[in-house]
PDB file of N, CA and C in Angstrom:
ATOM      1  N   MET A   1      -5.882-147.470 248.900  1.00  0.00           N
ATOM      2  CA  MET A   1      -6.270-148.541 248.006  1.00  0.00           C
ATOM      3  C   MET A   1      -5.051-148.970 247.192  1.00  0.00           C
ATOM      4  N   ARG A   2      -4.868-150.245 247.071  1.00  0.00           N
ATOM      5  CA  ARG A   2      -3.728-150.756 246.330  1.00  0.00           C
ATOM      6  C   ARG A   2      -3.951-150.585 244.838  1.00  0.00           C
ATOM      7  N   THR A   3      -2.872-150.368 244.115  1.00  0.00           N
ATOM      8  CA  THR A   3      -2.945-150.169 242.671  1.00  0.00           C
ATOM      9  C   THR A   3      -3.440-151.419 241.963  1.00  0.00           C
ATOM     10  N   SER A   4      -2.986-152.580 242.398  1.00  0.00           N
ATOM     11  CA  SER A   4      -3.388-153.816 241.719  1.00  0.00           C
ATOM     12  C   SER A   4      -4.883-154.072 241.855  1.00  0.00           C
ATOM     13  N   SER A   5      -5.492-153.634 242.960  1.00  0.00           N
ATOM     14  CA  SER A   5      -6.925-153.847 243.119  1.00  0.00           C
ATOM     15  C   SER A   5      -7.733-152.869 242.265  1.00  0.00           C
ATOM     16  N   MET A   6      -7.115-151.798 241.796  1.00  0.00           N
ATOM     17  CA  MET A   6      -7.799-150.825 240.946  1.00  0.00           C
ATOM     18  C   MET A   6      -7.712-151.186 239.473  1.00  0.00           C
ATOM     19  N   LEU A   7      -6.782-152.046 239.089  1.00  0.00           N
ATOM     20  CA  LEU A   7      -6.563-152.353 237.686  1.00  0.00           C
ATOM     21  C   LEU A   7      -7.775-152.989 237.017  1.00  0.00           C
ATOM     22  N   LEU A   8      -8.353-154.004 237.616  1.00  0.00           N
ATOM     23  CA  LEU A   8      -9.480-154.695 236.992  1.00  0.00           C
ATOM     24  C   LEU A   8     -10.704-153.788 236.846  1.00  0.00           C
ATOM     25  N   PRO A   9     -11.113-153.054 237.897  1.00  0.00           N
ATOM     26  CA  PRO A   9     -12.262-152.157 237.709  1.00  0.00           C
ATOM     27  C   PRO A   9     -12.008-151.070 236.659  1.00  0.00           C
ATOM     28  N   LEU A  10     -10.813-150.492 236.639  1.00  0.00           N
ATOM     29  CA  LEU A  10     -10.503-149.471 235.635  1.00  0.00           C
ATOM     30  C   LEU A  10     -10.503-150.060 234.234  1.00  0.00           C
ATOM     31  N   PHE A  11      -9.943-151.260 234.089  1.00  0.00           N
ATOM     32  CA  PHE A  11      -9.960-151.926 232.790  1.00  0.00           C
ATOM     33  C   PHE A  11     -11.386-152.196 232.328  1.00  0.00           C
ATOM     34  N   LEU A  12     -12.238-152.656 233.227  1.00  0.00           N
ATOM     35  CA  LEU A  12     -13.631-152.923 232.875  1.00  0.00           C
ATOM     36  C   LEU A  12     -14.367-151.648 232.472  1.00  0.00           C
ATOM     37  N   ILE A  13     -14.104-150.556 233.163  1.00  0.00           N
ATOM     38  CA  ILE A  13     -14.755-149.290 232.833  1.00  0.00           C
ATOM     39  C   ILE A  13     -14.315-148.810 231.454  1.00  0.00           C
ATOM     40  N   VAL A  14     -13.005-148.794 231.197  1.00  0.00           N
ATOM     41  CA  VAL A  14     -12.490-148.327 229.912  1.00  0.00           C
ATOM     42  C   VAL A  14     -12.963-149.230 228.782  1.00  0.00           C
ATOM     43  N   ALA A  15     -12.879-150.539 228.973  1.00  0.00           N
ATOM     44  CA  ALA A  15     -13.331-151.468 227.937  1.00  0.00           C
ATOM     45  C   ALA A  15     -14.829-151.313 227.687  1.00  0.00           C
ATOM     46  N   GLY A  16     -15.614-151.121 228.749  1.00  0.00           N
ATOM     47  CA  GLY A  16     -17.045-150.936 228.586  1.00  0.00           C
ATOM     48  C   GLY A  16     -17.388-149.652 227.845  1.00  0.00           C
ATOM     49  N   VAL A  17     -16.692-148.573 228.160  1.00  0.00           N
ATOM     50  CA  VAL A  17     -16.923-147.302 227.462  1.00  0.00           C
ATOM     51  C   VAL A  17     -16.565-147.434 225.985  1.00  0.00           C
ATOM     52  N   LEU A  18     -15.412-148.041 225.692  1.00  0.00           N
ATOM     53  CA  LEU A  18     -15.018-148.221 224.294  1.00  0.00           C
ATOM     54  C   LEU A  18     -16.007-149.098 223.542  1.00  0.00           C
ATOM     55  N   TRP A  19     -16.464-150.165 224.182  1.00  0.00           N
ATOM     56  CA  TRP A  19     -17.427-151.057 223.548  1.00  0.00           C
ATOM     57  C   TRP A  19     -18.747-150.339 223.292  1.00  0.00           C
ATOM     58  N   LEU A  20     -19.192-149.533 224.259  1.00  0.00           N
ATOM     59  CA  LEU A  20     -20.432-148.771 224.095  1.00  0.00           C
ATOM     60  C   LEU A  20     -20.311-147.778 222.941  1.00  0.00           C
ATOM     61  N   LEU A  21     -19.201-147.041 222.902  1.00  0.00           N
ATOM     62  CA  LEU A  21     -18.994-146.077 221.816  1.00  0.00           C
ATOM     63  C   LEU A  21     -18.954-146.770 220.461  1.00  0.00           C
ATOM     64  N   LYS A  22     -18.290-147.906 220.391  1.00  0.00           N
ATOM     65  CA  LYS A  22     -18.185-148.648 219.136  1.00  0.00           C
ATOM     66  C   LYS A  22     -19.544-149.209 218.714  1.00  0.00           C
ATOM     67  N   SER A  23     -20.308-149.727 219.660  1.00  0.00           N
ATOM     68  CA  SER A  23     -21.599-150.326 219.308  1.00  0.00           C
ATOM     69  C   SER A  23     -22.630-149.278 218.905  1.00  0.00           C
ATOM     70  N   MET A  24     -22.474-148.051 219.349  1.00  0.00           N
ATOM     71  CA  MET A  24     -23.408-146.986 218.979  1.00  0.00           C
ATOM     72  C   MET A  24     -22.881-146.150 217.812  1.00  0.00           C
ATOM     73  N   ASP A  25     -21.791-146.583 217.204  1.00  0.00           N
ATOM     74  CA  ASP A  25     -21.143-145.888 216.090  1.00  0.00           C
ATOM     75  C   ASP A  25     -20.742-144.466 216.442  1.00  0.00           C
ATOM     76  N   TRP A  26     -20.341-144.242 217.679  1.00  0.00           N
ATOM     77  CA  TRP A  26     -19.845-142.938 218.104  1.00  0.00           C
ATOM     78  C   TRP A  26     -18.329-142.927 218.182  1.00  0.00           C
ATOM     79  N   PHE A  27     -17.700-144.066 218.041  1.00  0.00           N
ATOM     80  CA  PHE A  27     -16.249-144.166 218.144  1.00  0.00           C
ATOM     81  C   PHE A  27     -15.629-143.789 216.807  1.00  0.00           C
ATOM     82  N   PRO A  28     -14.714-142.839 216.808  1.00  0.00           N
ATOM     83  CA  PRO A  28     -14.116-142.437 215.531  1.00  0.00           C
ATOM     84  C   PRO A  28     -13.215-143.536 214.973  1.00  0.00           C
ATOM     85  N   SER A  29     -13.015-143.476 213.679  1.00  0.00           N
ATOM     86  CA  SER A  29     -12.148-144.473 213.043  1.00  0.00           C
ATOM     87  C   SER A  29     -10.694-144.223 213.441  1.00  0.00           C
ATOM     88  N   THR A  30      -9.863-145.196 213.168  1.00  0.00           N
ATOM     89  CA  THR A  30      -8.451-145.088 213.517  1.00  0.00           C
ATOM     90  C   THR A  30      -7.787-143.922 212.799  1.00  0.00           C
ATOM     91  N   ALA A  31      -8.154-143.683 211.551  1.00  0.00           N
ATOM     92  CA  ALA A  31      -7.572-142.564 210.803  1.00  0.00           C
ATOM     93  C   ALA A  31      -7.894-141.234 211.467  1.00  0.00           C
ATOM     94  N   MET A  32      -9.086-141.100 211.986  1.00  0.00           N
ATOM     95  CA  MET A  32      -9.465-139.854 212.638  1.00  0.00           C
ATOM     96  C   MET A  32      -8.714-139.675 213.954  1.00  0.00           C
ATOM     97  N   ILE A  33      -8.523-140.754 214.691  1.00  0.00           N
ATOM     98  CA  ILE A  33      -7.773-140.673 215.951  1.00  0.00           C
ATOM     99  C   ILE A  33      -6.340-140.258 215.666  1.00  0.00           C
ATOM    100  N   VAL A  34      -5.723-140.831 214.633  1.00  0.00           N
ATOM    101  CA  VAL A  34      -4.355-140.465 214.258  1.00  0.00           C
ATOM    102  C   VAL A  34      -4.294-139.006 213.818  1.00  0.00           C
ATOM    103  N   ALA A  35      -5.264-138.566 213.016  1.00  0.00           N
ATOM    104  CA  ALA A  35      -5.291-137.184 212.547  1.00  0.00           C
ATOM    105  C   ALA A  35      -5.396-136.214 213.718  1.00  0.00           C
ATOM    106  N   TYR A  36      -6.319-136.467 214.629  1.00  0.00           N
ATOM    107  CA  TYR A  36      -6.469-135.596 215.801  1.00  0.00           C
ATOM    108  C   TYR A  36      -5.213-135.614 216.666  1.00  0.00           C
ATOM    109  N   GLY A  37      -4.606-136.788 216.813  1.00  0.00           N
ATOM    110  CA  GLY A  37      -3.384-136.899 217.607  1.00  0.00           C
ATOM    111  C   GLY A  37      -2.233-136.103 217.019  1.00  0.00           C
ATOM    112  N   LEU A  38      -2.077-136.148 215.695  1.00  0.00           N
ATOM    113  CA  LEU A  38      -0.995-135.394 215.061  1.00  0.00           C
ATOM    114  C   LEU A  38      -1.210-133.885 215.188  1.00  0.00           C
ATOM    115  N   VAL A  39      -2.434-133.434 214.991  1.00  0.00           N
ATOM    116  CA  VAL A  39      -2.721-131.998 215.134  1.00  0.00           C
ATOM    117  C   VAL A  39      -2.483-131.566 216.579  1.00  0.00           C
ATOM    118  N   ALA A  40      -2.941-132.353 217.534  1.00  0.00           N
ATOM    119  CA  ALA A  40      -2.736-132.023 218.949  1.00  0.00           C
ATOM    120  C   ALA A  40      -1.253-132.017 219.310  1.00  0.00           C
ATOM    121  N   THR A  41      -0.492-132.963 218.770  1.00  0.00           N
ATOM    122  CA  THR A  41       0.941-133.012 219.036  1.00  0.00           C
ATOM    123  C   THR A  41       1.637-131.777 218.477  1.00  0.00           C
ATOM    124  N   GLY A  42       1.268-131.357 217.275  1.00  0.00           N
ATOM    125  CA  GLY A  42       1.846-130.145 216.700  1.00  0.00           C
ATOM    126  C   GLY A  42       1.533-128.911 217.525  1.00  0.00           C
ATOM    127  N   LEU A  43       0.293-128.793 217.973  1.00  0.00           N
ATOM    128  CA  LEU A  43      -0.081-127.650 218.814  1.00  0.00           C
ATOM    129  C   LEU A  43       0.669-127.663 220.143  1.00  0.00           C
ATOM    130  N   LEU A  44       0.745-128.827 220.768  1.00  0.00           N
ATOM    131  CA  LEU A  44       1.464-128.933 222.040  1.00  0.00           C
ATOM    132  C   LEU A  44       2.952-128.638 221.871  1.00  0.00           C
ATOM    133  N   LEU A  45       3.520-129.042 220.761  1.00  0.00           N
ATOM    134  CA  LEU A  45       4.926-128.753 220.491  1.00  0.00           C
ATOM    135  C   LEU A  45       5.161-127.246 220.403  1.00  0.00           C
ATOM    136  N   LEU A  46       4.280-126.554 219.718  1.00  0.00           N
ATOM    137  CA  LEU A  46       4.410-125.094 219.637  1.00  0.00           C
ATOM    138  C   LEU A  46       4.218-124.435 220.995  1.00  0.00           C
ATOM    139  N   ILE A  47       3.275-124.949 221.774  1.00  0.00           N
ATOM    140  CA  ILE A  47       3.003-124.344 223.080  1.00  0.00           C
ATOM    141  C   ILE A  47       4.157-124.564 224.042  1.00  0.00           C
ATOM    142  N   PHE A  48       4.643-125.797 224.147  1.00  0.00           N
ATOM    143  CA  PHE A  48       5.664-126.110 225.142  1.00  0.00           C
ATOM    144  C   PHE A  48       7.083-125.776 224.695  1.00  0.00           C
ATOM    145  N   ASP A  49       7.366-125.876 223.411  1.00  0.00           N
ATOM    146  CA  ASP A  49       8.719-125.606 222.924  1.00  0.00           C
ATOM    147  C   ASP A  49       8.878-124.156 222.477  1.00  0.00           C
ATOM    148  N   GLY A  50       7.780-123.493 222.182  1.00  0.00           N
ATOM    149  CA  GLY A  50       7.854-122.121 221.692  1.00  0.00           C
ATOM    150  C   GLY A  50       8.224-122.110 220.217  1.00  0.00           C
ATOM    151  N   ILE A  51       8.302-120.925 219.677  1.00  0.00           N
ATOM    152  CA  ILE A  51       8.664-120.791 218.261  1.00  0.00           C
ATOM    153  C   ILE A  51      10.171-120.672 218.166  1.00  0.00           C
ATOM    154  N   ASN A  52      10.792-121.647 217.517  1.00  0.00           N
ATOM    155  CA  ASN A  52      12.230-121.633 217.265  1.00  0.00           C
ATOM    156  C   ASN A  52      12.494-122.319 215.931  1.00  0.00           C
ATOM    157  N   LYS A  53      13.739-122.433 215.560  1.00  0.00           N
ATOM    158  CA  LYS A  53      14.087-122.939 214.233  1.00  0.00           C
ATOM    159  C   LYS A  53      13.649-124.384 214.008  1.00  0.00           C
ATOM    160  N   GLN A  54      13.564-125.173 215.067  1.00  0.00           N
ATOM    161  CA  GLN A  54      13.117-126.557 214.893  1.00  0.00           C
ATOM    162  C   GLN A  54      11.598-126.677 214.923  1.00  0.00           C
ATOM    163  N   SER A  55      10.970-125.989 215.863  1.00  0.00           N
ATOM    164  CA  SER A  55       9.521-126.140 216.001  1.00  0.00           C
ATOM    165  C   SER A  55       8.754-125.433 214.891  1.00  0.00           C
ATOM    166  N   ILE A  56       9.364-124.441 214.251  1.00  0.00           N
ATOM    167  CA  ILE A  56       8.677-123.732 213.168  1.00  0.00           C
ATOM    168  C   ILE A  56       8.497-124.643 211.947  1.00  0.00           C
ATOM    169  N   VAL A  57       9.271-125.712 211.878  1.00  0.00           N
ATOM    170  CA  VAL A  57       9.126-126.682 210.786  1.00  0.00           C
ATOM    171  C   VAL A  57       8.314-127.898 211.258  1.00  0.00           C
ATOM    172  N   SER A  58       8.697-128.474 212.384  1.00  0.00           N
ATOM    173  CA  SER A  58       8.095-129.742 212.792  1.00  0.00           C
ATOM    174  C   SER A  58       6.639-129.608 213.235  1.00  0.00           C
ATOM    175  N   ALA A  59       6.300-128.585 213.989  1.00  0.00           N
ATOM    176  CA  ALA A  59       4.925-128.457 214.492  1.00  0.00           C
ATOM    177  C   ALA A  59       3.913-128.240 213.361  1.00  0.00           C
ATOM    178  N   PRO A  60       4.133-127.273 212.448  1.00  0.00           N
ATOM    179  CA  PRO A  60       3.165-127.136 211.359  1.00  0.00           C
ATOM    180  C   PRO A  60       3.104-128.358 210.445  1.00  0.00           C
ATOM    181  N   LEU A  61       4.218-129.060 210.271  1.00  0.00           N
ATOM    182  CA  LEU A  61       4.184-130.270 209.445  1.00  0.00           C
ATOM    183  C   LEU A  61       3.364-131.374 210.103  1.00  0.00           C
ATOM    184  N   LEU A  62       3.486-131.516 211.420  1.00  0.00           N
ATOM    185  CA  LEU A  62       2.648-132.490 212.117  1.00  0.00           C
ATOM    186  C   LEU A  62       1.177-132.141 211.949  1.00  0.00           C
ATOM    187  N   MET A  63       0.857-130.855 212.087  1.00  0.00           N
ATOM    188  CA  MET A  63      -0.529-130.429 211.932  1.00  0.00           C
ATOM    189  C   MET A  63      -1.002-130.615 210.489  1.00  0.00           C
ATOM    190  N   TYR A  64      -0.123-130.364 209.515  1.00  0.00           N
ATOM    191  CA  TYR A  64      -0.504-130.564 208.114  1.00  0.00           C
ATOM    192  C   TYR A  64      -0.788-132.038 207.822  1.00  0.00           C
ATOM    193  N   VAL A  65       0.075-132.909 208.313  1.00  0.00           N
ATOM    194  CA  VAL A  65      -0.133-134.343 208.067  1.00  0.00           C
ATOM    195  C   VAL A  65      -1.444-134.797 208.701  1.00  0.00           C
ATOM    196  N   GLY A  66      -1.727-134.305 209.907  1.00  0.00           N
ATOM    197  CA  GLY A  66      -3.009-134.627 210.530  1.00  0.00           C
ATOM    198  C   GLY A  66      -4.182-134.119 209.705  1.00  0.00           C
ATOM    199  N   GLY A  67      -4.063-132.891 209.205  1.00  0.00           N
ATOM    200  CA  GLY A  67      -5.118-132.338 208.355  1.00  0.00           C
ATOM    201  C   GLY A  67      -5.250-133.089 207.046  1.00  0.00           C
ATOM    202  N   ALA A  68      -4.129-133.527 206.492  1.00  0.00           N
ATOM    203  CA  ALA A  68      -4.161-134.280 205.237  1.00  0.00           C
ATOM    204  C   ALA A  68      -4.831-135.644 205.438  1.00  0.00           C
ATOM    205  N   ILE A  69      -4.546-136.281 206.555  1.00  0.00           N
ATOM    206  CA  ILE A  69      -5.199-137.562 206.854  1.00  0.00           C
ATOM    207  C   ILE A  69      -6.696-137.342 207.017  1.00  0.00           C
ATOM    208  N   TYR A  70      -7.063-136.270 207.703  1.00  0.00           N
ATOM    209  CA  TYR A  70      -8.482-135.946 207.870  1.00  0.00           C
ATOM    210  C   TYR A  70      -9.147-135.685 206.521  1.00  0.00           C
ATOM    211  N   ALA A  71      -8.502-134.876 205.673  1.00  0.00           N
ATOM    212  CA  ALA A  71      -9.067-134.554 204.353  1.00  0.00           C
ATOM    213  C   ALA A  71      -9.182-135.812 203.494  1.00  0.00           C
ATOM    214  N   ARG A  72      -8.196-136.672 203.559  1.00  0.00           N
ATOM    215  CA  ARG A  72      -8.217-137.912 202.779  1.00  0.00           C
ATOM    216  C   ARG A  72      -9.354-138.819 203.239  1.00  0.00           C
ATOM    217  N   HIS A  73      -9.538-138.893 204.547  1.00  0.00           N
ATOM    218  CA  HIS A  73     -10.538-139.796 205.094  1.00  0.00           C
ATOM    219  C   HIS A  73     -11.958-139.254 204.951  1.00  0.00           C
ATOM    220  N   GLU A  74     -12.163-137.980 205.238  1.00  0.00           N
ATOM    221  CA  GLU A  74     -13.512-137.418 205.253  1.00  0.00           C
ATOM    222  C   GLU A  74     -13.991-136.942 203.881  1.00  0.00           C
ATOM    223  N   TYR A  75     -13.086-136.349 203.111  1.00  0.00           N
ATOM    224  CA  TYR A  75     -13.490-135.741 201.843  1.00  0.00           C
ATOM    225  C   TYR A  75     -13.002-136.505 200.620  1.00  0.00           C
ATOM    226  N   LEU A  76     -12.317-137.625 200.845  1.00  0.00           N
ATOM    227  CA  LEU A  76     -11.812-138.493 199.778  1.00  0.00           C
ATOM    228  C   LEU A  76     -10.975-137.742 198.754  1.00  0.00           C
ATOM    229  N   ILE A  77     -10.161-136.810 199.235  1.00  0.00           N
ATOM    230  CA  ILE A  77      -9.235-136.086 198.371  1.00  0.00           C
ATOM    231  C   ILE A  77      -8.099-137.043 198.008  1.00  0.00           C
ATOM    232  N   ALA A  78      -7.669-136.985 196.775  1.00  0.00           N
ATOM    233  CA  ALA A  78      -6.602-137.881 196.314  1.00  0.00           C
ATOM    234  C   ALA A  78      -5.314-137.636 197.096  1.00  0.00           C
ATOM    235  N   THR A  79      -4.525-138.672 197.236  1.00  0.00           N
ATOM    236  CA  THR A  79      -3.289-138.589 198.011  1.00  0.00           C
ATOM    237  C   THR A  79      -2.228-137.761 197.307  1.00  0.00           C
ATOM    238  N   SER A  80      -2.125-137.864 195.995  1.00  0.00           N
ATOM    239  CA  SER A  80      -1.064-137.194 195.253  1.00  0.00           C
ATOM    240  C   SER A  80      -1.058-135.674 195.434  1.00  0.00           C
ATOM    241  N   PRO A  81      -2.202-134.977 195.316  1.00  0.00           N
ATOM    242  CA  PRO A  81      -2.158-133.529 195.556  1.00  0.00           C
ATOM    243  C   PRO A  81      -1.822-133.176 197.000  1.00  0.00           C
ATOM    244  N   LEU A  82      -2.256-134.004 197.942  1.00  0.00           N
ATOM    245  CA  LEU A  82      -1.940-133.740 199.343  1.00  0.00           C
ATOM    246  C   LEU A  82      -0.436-133.849 199.588  1.00  0.00           C
ATOM    247  N   ILE A  83       0.194-134.814 198.957  1.00  0.00           N
ATOM    248  CA  ILE A  83       1.649-134.966 199.100  1.00  0.00           C
ATOM    249  C   ILE A  83       2.365-133.795 198.438  1.00  0.00           C
ATOM    250  N   ALA A  84       1.909-133.389 197.247  1.00  0.00           N
ATOM    251  CA  ALA A  84       2.538-132.258 196.553  1.00  0.00           C
ATOM    252  C   ALA A  84       2.411-130.970 197.364  1.00  0.00           C
ATOM    253  N   ILE A  85       1.235-130.722 197.903  1.00  0.00           N
ATOM    254  CA  ILE A  85       1.047-129.527 198.737  1.00  0.00           C
ATOM    255  C   ILE A  85       1.908-129.616 199.986  1.00  0.00           C
ATOM    256  N   GLY A  86       2.019-130.807 200.562  1.00  0.00           N
ATOM    257  CA  GLY A  86       2.873-131.004 201.732  1.00  0.00           C
ATOM    258  C   GLY A  86       4.334-130.726 201.432  1.00  0.00           C
ATOM    259  N   MET A  87       4.792-131.112 200.247  1.00  0.00           N
ATOM    260  CA  MET A  87       6.180-130.832 199.858  1.00  0.00           C
ATOM    261  C   MET A  87       6.413-129.334 199.721  1.00  0.00           C
ATOM    262  N   ILE A  88       5.474-128.641 199.092  1.00  0.00           N
ATOM    263  CA  ILE A  88       5.596-127.189 198.943  1.00  0.00           C
ATOM    264  C   ILE A  88       5.584-126.517 200.317  1.00  0.00           C
ATOM    265  N   PHE A  89       4.653-126.953 201.171  1.00  0.00           N
ATOM    266  CA  PHE A  89       4.520-126.381 202.508  1.00  0.00           C
ATOM    267  C   PHE A  89       5.782-126.615 203.333  1.00  0.00           C
ATOM    268  N   SER A  90       6.345-127.827 203.284  1.00  0.00           N
ATOM    269  CA  SER A  90       7.560-128.108 204.053  1.00  0.00           C
ATOM    270  C   SER A  90       8.743-127.320 203.531  1.00  0.00           C
ATOM    271  N   GLY A  91       8.839-127.131 202.211  1.00  0.00           N
ATOM    272  CA  GLY A  91       9.915-126.307 201.667  1.00  0.00           C
ATOM    273  C   GLY A  91       9.817-124.863 202.126  1.00  0.00           C
ATOM    274  N   CYS A  92       8.594-124.336 202.133  1.00  0.00           N
ATOM    275  CA  CYS A  92       8.398-122.955 202.616  1.00  0.00           C
ATOM    276  C   CYS A  92       8.759-122.838 204.089  1.00  0.00           C
ATOM    277  N   LEU A  93       8.388-123.826 204.891  1.00  0.00           N
ATOM    278  CA  LEU A  93       8.729-123.799 206.316  1.00  0.00           C
ATOM    279  C   LEU A  93      10.233-123.879 206.531  1.00  0.00           C
ATOM    280  N   MET A  94      10.915-124.689 205.718  1.00  0.00           N
ATOM    281  CA  MET A  94      12.370-124.803 205.848  1.00  0.00           C
ATOM    282  C   MET A  94      13.060-123.494 205.473  1.00  0.00           C
ATOM    283  N   LEU A  95      12.551-122.830 204.453  1.00  0.00           N
ATOM    284  CA  LEU A  95      13.100-121.509 204.110  1.00  0.00           C
ATOM    285  C   LEU A  95      12.825-120.500 205.218  1.00  0.00           C
ATOM    286  N   LEU A  96      11.645-120.543 205.801  1.00  0.00           N
ATOM    287  CA  LEU A  96      11.305-119.643 206.893  1.00  0.00           C
ATOM    288  C   LEU A  96      12.211-119.867 208.098  1.00  0.00           C
ATOM    289  N   SER A  97      12.560-121.116 208.373  1.00  0.00           N
ATOM    290  CA  SER A  97      13.407-121.414 209.529  1.00  0.00           C
ATOM    291  C   SER A  97      14.822-120.877 209.353  1.00  0.00           C
ATOM    292  N   ARG A  98      15.235-120.625 208.115  1.00  0.00           N
ATOM    293  CA  ARG A  98      16.571-120.072 207.868  1.00  0.00           C
ATOM    294  C   ARG A  98      16.625-118.572 208.113  1.00  0.00           C
ATOM    295  N   SER A  99      15.481-117.954 208.306  1.00  0.00           N
ATOM    296  CA  SER A  99      15.416-116.512 208.518  1.00  0.00           C
ATOM    297  C   SER A  99      16.041-116.134 209.855  1.00  0.00           C
ATOM    298  N   SER A 100      16.607-114.948 209.898  1.00  0.00           N
ATOM    299  CA  SER A 100      17.195-114.471 211.156  1.00  0.00           C
ATOM    300  C   SER A 100      16.117-114.021 212.143  1.00  0.00           C
ATOM    301  N   MET A 101      14.881-113.881 211.677  1.00  0.00           N
ATOM    302  CA  MET A 101      13.790-113.476 212.571  1.00  0.00           C
ATOM    303  C   MET A 101      13.348-114.624 213.484  1.00  0.00           C
ATOM    304  N   VAL A 102      13.607-115.859 213.091  1.00  0.00           N
ATOM    305  CA  VAL A 102      13.214-117.019 213.892  1.00  0.00           C
ATOM    306  C   VAL A 102      14.379-117.368 214.814  1.00  0.00           C
ATOM    307  N   PRO A 103      14.150-117.370 216.138  1.00  0.00           N
ATOM    308  CA  PRO A 103      15.247-117.625 217.071  1.00  0.00           C
ATOM    309  C   PRO A 103      15.655-119.098 217.112  1.00  0.00           C
ATOM    310  N   TYR A 104      16.886-119.324 217.568  1.00  0.00           N
ATOM    311  CA  TYR A 104      17.360-120.690 217.801  1.00  0.00           C
ATOM    312  C   TYR A 104      16.719-121.218 219.077  1.00  0.00           C
ATOM    313  N   LYS A 105      16.722-122.525 219.228  1.00  0.00           N
ATOM    314  CA  LYS A 105      16.271-123.124 220.476  1.00  0.00           C
ATOM    315  C   LYS A 105      17.244-122.703 221.564  1.00  0.00           C
ATOM    316  N   LYS A 106      16.764-122.462 222.758  1.00  0.00           N
ATOM    317  CA  LYS A 106      17.590-121.875 223.819  1.00  0.00           C
ATOM    318  C   LYS A 106      18.818-122.685 224.162  1.00  0.00           C
ATOM    319  N   ASN A 107      18.736-123.997 224.116  1.00  0.00           N
ATOM    320  CA  ASN A 107      19.891-124.818 224.510  1.00  0.00           C
ATOM    321  C   ASN A 107      20.769-125.241 223.324  1.00  0.00           C
ATOM    322  N   THR A 108      20.434-124.832 222.106  1.00  0.00           N
ATOM    323  CA  THR A 108      21.258-125.168 220.942  1.00  0.00           C
ATOM    324  C   THR A 108      21.544-123.908 220.137  1.00  0.00           C
ATOM    325  N   LEU A 109      22.638-123.277 220.423  1.00  0.00           N
ATOM    326  CA  LEU A 109      23.043-122.083 219.698  1.00  0.00           C
ATOM    327  C   LEU A 109      24.034-122.481 218.600  1.00  0.00           C
ATOM    328  N   PRO A 110      24.116-121.711 217.501  1.00  0.00           N
ATOM    329  CA  PRO A 110      25.047-122.064 216.432  1.00  0.00           C
ATOM    330  C   PRO A 110      26.494-121.941 216.904  1.00  0.00           C
ATOM    331  N   LYS A 111      27.377-122.738 216.298  1.00  0.00           N
ATOM    332  CA  LYS A 111      28.784-122.727 216.704  1.00  0.00           C
ATOM    333  C   LYS A 111      29.613-121.888 215.770  1.00  0.00           C
TER     334      LYS A 111
END
């Protein structure tokens, strides 16, 4: 089967599913999709990259931002405390990454 002949039916199926979910109020809001995406990206980063000096900071921060977006959207928590907690959390992660217990990424060793 040619790819071009599959495009229209696939587009109709995806558009129909999205329209059905939206019309039945089962489609999550954009904030929730972004929150889930950030948490999933952080988890995948830890899984595929492993624990190293870069991923020990970036992966938990991605997951925190996703959680903060979720908390802001679902529980109406103010933005200011979420940012303050995020700053404290990122500082702790940066200090942790300086530890000799956390390995360097395999292809980037210190000079």
